[in-house]
Structures are given as structure tokens and as C-alpha cells.
Amino acid sequence: MPTYFKSPSPFAKNLPFSEAVQVGNLLYLSGQLGVDESGQVVSGGVQAETKQAMEHIRAILARRGLTFDNVVKCLVMLADMSEWSAMNEVYITFFSKDHLPARSAMGVGSLARGARLEIECIAEIVPKAKTRKSGARLEIECIAEIAPKAKTRKKRTAKKKK
């Protein structure tokens, strides 16, 4: 069953969508614009907007106990694809070099509020470990959680083949 999260921002409270929706272990974030608290696009062009949009994403992730390390996929929509390199210069600073999420970028005719870009993300919610006593114990707990699910899938697959 999905869980819907509304934004605490006064600007966003009347918008017709959730800031994020959790389905299973995935958190789907709505697209973020580079806007200030009043909903106005920040000045400074695509780099300033990218920074602001990514800060909004950081805040949404933090409200759910997540970071950019949990992000597995992003979609960047640009009003002008010639600004792709300038956007990337800022975008890349929010991720560690060994943890770059999958990403798509596309040019669009126009965006809400006259923005230069919009960024949406999908993040994985990793359950907190029950214990951190030893790596071996943690591994056993993870296998114990996964194993029953794997057996169930095999049974279902076997029934379908008959």
C-alpha cells in the first residue's frame, strides 16, 4: 500500500500532488524546481536553479531519513538542452563519485513557473540493521529475511509451469 507524504512548505501545501510517495522500499520524489520559499524561480540561471532544486531534494530525503546515497535514478528536464553541461557542473557535486544514480535528461518545451529545469528522483529505502555487532551476524539476518521470499517465488513459478 503506498504511503503519501505532503510537503511541510506553506508554498507547496496547496499543490495537487505529494512531495513523495513510498511504495515498498522505493521513495518516488515529485519533480523539484529551483524555487525559493515563496515559489519564485531563483535568479542566476540554470546553475542556481539546479542547486536550489537539489537542495529541495536533499530536504525531502532527509525528512525520510535518507541521503543522496539512497538515490538510484533521476530524471532531469531542461527547457534548453544547451544548458546540459552547466546543469551537470552543479548536479554532480551532490553525489559521491562512486555512487552516481542512473539518470535520464530530456529537453522540454516549457516548465512550470518559467523554470529552466525540473529534477525528479527515486530513492531506495534500506531497512536499518537490527544489530551492528558483527558483519557475520548482520549477513545472517539479511539472508534470513531474503530466503523465505525466494522460496515463495519458486513455489509460485512451479505452479505456473504446470
Protein backbone atom coordinates (compact mmCIF):
# COMPACT_ATOMS: atom_id res chain seq x y z
CA MET A 1 0.00 0.00 0.00
CA PRO A 2 1.53 3.37 -0.98
CA THR A 3 2.28 5.99 1.65
CA TYR A 4 1.85 9.61 0.56
CA PHE A 5 3.92 12.45 2.02
CA LYS A 6 2.85 16.08 1.78
CA SER A 7 5.37 18.90 1.88
CA PRO A 8 5.62 20.97 5.08
CA SER A 9 6.27 24.06 2.93
CA PRO A 10 3.49 26.69 3.09
CA PHE A 11 4.01 27.29 -0.66
CA ALA A 12 3.55 23.61 -1.51
CA LYS A 13 0.61 22.80 0.76
CA ASN A 14 -1.95 23.71 -1.91
CA LEU A 15 -0.25 21.89 -4.79
CA PRO A 16 -2.23 18.97 -6.27
CA PHE A 17 0.44 16.31 -5.66
CA SER A 18 2.52 14.71 -2.91
CA GLU A 19 6.18 15.64 -2.47
CA ALA A 20 6.97 11.92 -2.30
CA VAL A 21 5.25 8.54 -2.36
CA GLN A 22 6.68 5.38 -0.80
CA VAL A 23 5.88 2.06 -2.45
CA GLY A 24 7.64 -0.85 -0.82
CA ASN A 25 11.30 0.05 -0.39
CA LEU A 26 11.23 2.82 -3.01
CA LEU A 27 10.56 6.51 -2.47
CA TYR A 28 9.37 8.39 -5.56
CA LEU A 29 10.05 12.12 -5.31
CA SER A 30 7.98 14.61 -7.27
CA GLY A 31 9.87 16.86 -9.65
CA GLN A 32 11.62 19.77 -7.95
CA LEU A 33 12.10 23.22 -9.41
CA GLY A 34 14.76 25.73 -8.41
CA VAL A 35 12.33 27.94 -6.48
CA ASP A 36 12.59 29.85 -3.21
CA GLU A 37 10.22 29.59 -0.20
CA SER A 38 7.65 31.80 -1.94
CA GLY A 39 7.62 29.62 -5.08
CA GLN A 40 9.53 32.10 -7.24
CA VAL A 41 12.28 30.78 -9.53
CA VAL A 42 15.68 31.72 -8.09
CA SER A 43 17.78 34.14 -10.10
CA GLY A 44 21.15 33.17 -11.56
CA GLY A 45 20.21 30.83 -14.37
CA VAL A 46 20.29 27.07 -14.70
CA GLN A 47 23.15 26.52 -12.23
CA ALA A 48 21.39 28.44 -9.45
CA GLU A 49 18.16 26.59 -10.23
CA THR A 50 19.95 23.23 -10.22
CA LYS A 51 21.48 23.94 -6.81
CA GLN A 52 18.13 25.00 -5.37
CA ALA A 53 16.26 22.01 -6.84
CA MET A 54 18.91 19.63 -5.46
CA GLU A 55 18.65 21.29 -2.03
CA HIS A 56 14.89 20.66 -2.11
CA ILE A 57 15.60 17.01 -2.95
CA ARG A 58 18.13 16.81 -0.10
CA ALA A 59 15.49 18.15 2.33
CA ILE A 60 12.83 15.66 1.16
CA LEU A 61 15.29 12.78 1.50
CA ALA A 62 16.35 13.98 4.97
CA ARG A 63 12.71 14.09 6.16
CA ARG A 64 12.59 10.36 5.38
CA GLY A 65 16.00 9.59 6.95
CA LEU A 66 17.71 9.26 3.56
CA THR A 67 20.60 10.92 1.70
CA PHE A 68 21.74 11.24 -1.89
CA ASP A 69 23.46 7.85 -1.40
CA ASN A 70 19.97 6.31 -1.44
CA VAL A 71 19.09 7.83 -4.83
CA VAL A 72 19.08 5.21 -7.60
CA LYS A 73 17.51 7.13 -10.52
CA CYS A 74 16.99 10.75 -11.55
CA LEU A 75 15.23 12.45 -14.41
CA VAL A 76 16.32 15.94 -15.40
CA MET A 77 14.03 18.01 -17.61
CA LEU A 78 15.66 21.04 -19.23
CA ALA A 79 13.94 23.90 -21.03
CA ASP A 80 17.11 24.28 -23.10
CA MET A 81 19.36 21.26 -23.73
CA SER A 82 22.28 23.59 -24.47
CA GLU A 83 22.39 24.14 -20.67
CA TRP A 84 23.04 20.42 -20.02
CA SER A 85 26.77 20.90 -19.26
CA ALA A 86 26.15 23.86 -16.95
CA MET A 87 23.50 21.86 -15.06
CA ASN A 88 25.86 18.87 -14.77
CA GLU A 89 28.57 21.00 -13.15
CA VAL A 90 26.26 21.60 -10.17
CA TYR A 91 24.30 18.31 -10.23
CA ILE A 92 27.44 16.16 -9.91
CA THR A 93 28.52 17.91 -6.68
CA PHE A 94 25.59 16.35 -4.79
CA PHE A 95 26.73 12.75 -5.37
CA SER A 96 29.87 10.84 -4.43
CA LYS A 97 31.89 9.73 -7.46
CA ASP A 98 31.36 6.05 -6.67
CA HIS A 99 27.60 6.45 -6.26
CA LEU A 100 26.13 8.10 -9.32
CA PRO A 101 22.49 7.17 -9.88
CA ALA A 102 21.12 6.17 -13.25
CA ARG A 103 19.82 9.28 -15.00
CA SER A 104 17.85 10.48 -17.97
CA ALA A 105 17.83 14.04 -19.27
CA MET A 106 15.41 15.47 -21.77
CA GLY A 107 14.60 18.77 -23.35
CA VAL A 108 11.07 20.03 -22.82
CA GLY A 109 9.09 22.87 -24.37
CA SER A 110 8.46 24.65 -21.09
CA LEU A 111 8.30 24.06 -17.34
CA ALA A 112 6.07 25.35 -14.55
CA ARG A 113 6.77 28.88 -13.31
CA GLY A 114 9.12 29.52 -16.25
CA ALA A 115 11.83 27.34 -14.67
CA ARG A 116 14.92 26.27 -16.63
CA LEU A 117 14.88 22.73 -15.17
CA GLU A 118 12.99 20.22 -13.06
CA ILE A 119 14.57 17.20 -11.35
CA GLU A 120 12.79 14.14 -10.01
CA CYS A 121 14.36 11.15 -8.26
CA ILE A 122 13.72 7.65 -6.99
CA ALA A 123 15.46 6.57 -3.78
CA GLU A 124 15.83 3.17 -2.16
CA ILE A 125 14.83 2.85 1.47
CA VAL A 126 17.26 0.47 3.14
CA PRO A 127 15.96 -1.03 6.39
CA LYS A 128 18.08 -0.19 9.39
CA ALA A 129 20.01 -3.22 10.65
CA LYS A 130 18.75 -4.72 13.88
CA THR A 131 22.28 -5.12 15.13
CA ARG A 132 25.72 -3.86 14.25
CA LYS A 133 27.62 -6.32 16.50
CA SER A 134 29.39 -8.10 13.67
CA GLY A 135 29.36 -8.28 9.93
CA ALA A 136 28.66 -12.02 10.01
CA ARG A 137 25.60 -11.61 12.22
CA LEU A 138 24.26 -8.84 10.01
CA GLU A 139 24.76 -11.01 6.93
CA ILE A 140 22.86 -13.89 8.55
CA GLU A 141 19.94 -11.60 9.41
CA CYS A 142 19.79 -10.32 5.83
CA ILE A 143 19.84 -13.84 4.39
CA ALA A 144 17.11 -14.90 6.82
CA GLU A 145 14.89 -12.06 5.60
CA ILE A 146 15.51 -12.80 1.91
CA ALA A 147 15.38 -16.62 1.97
CA PRO A 148 11.64 -17.08 2.74
CA LYS A 149 10.73 -14.69 -0.08
CA ALA A 150 12.91 -16.61 -2.54
CA LYS A 151 11.24 -19.94 -1.60
CA THR A 152 7.79 -18.42 -2.10
CA ARG A 153 8.71 -17.18 -5.57
CA LYS A 154 9.95 -20.63 -6.59
CA LYS A 155 6.70 -22.25 -5.49
CA ARG A 156 4.63 -19.74 -7.44
CA THR A 157 6.80 -20.22 -10.52
CA ALA A 158 6.49 -24.00 -10.27
CA LYS A 159 2.69 -23.77 -10.11
CA LYS A 160 2.56 -21.57 -13.18
CA LYS A 161 4.64 -24.05 -15.24
CA LYS A 162 2.22 -26.92 -14.63
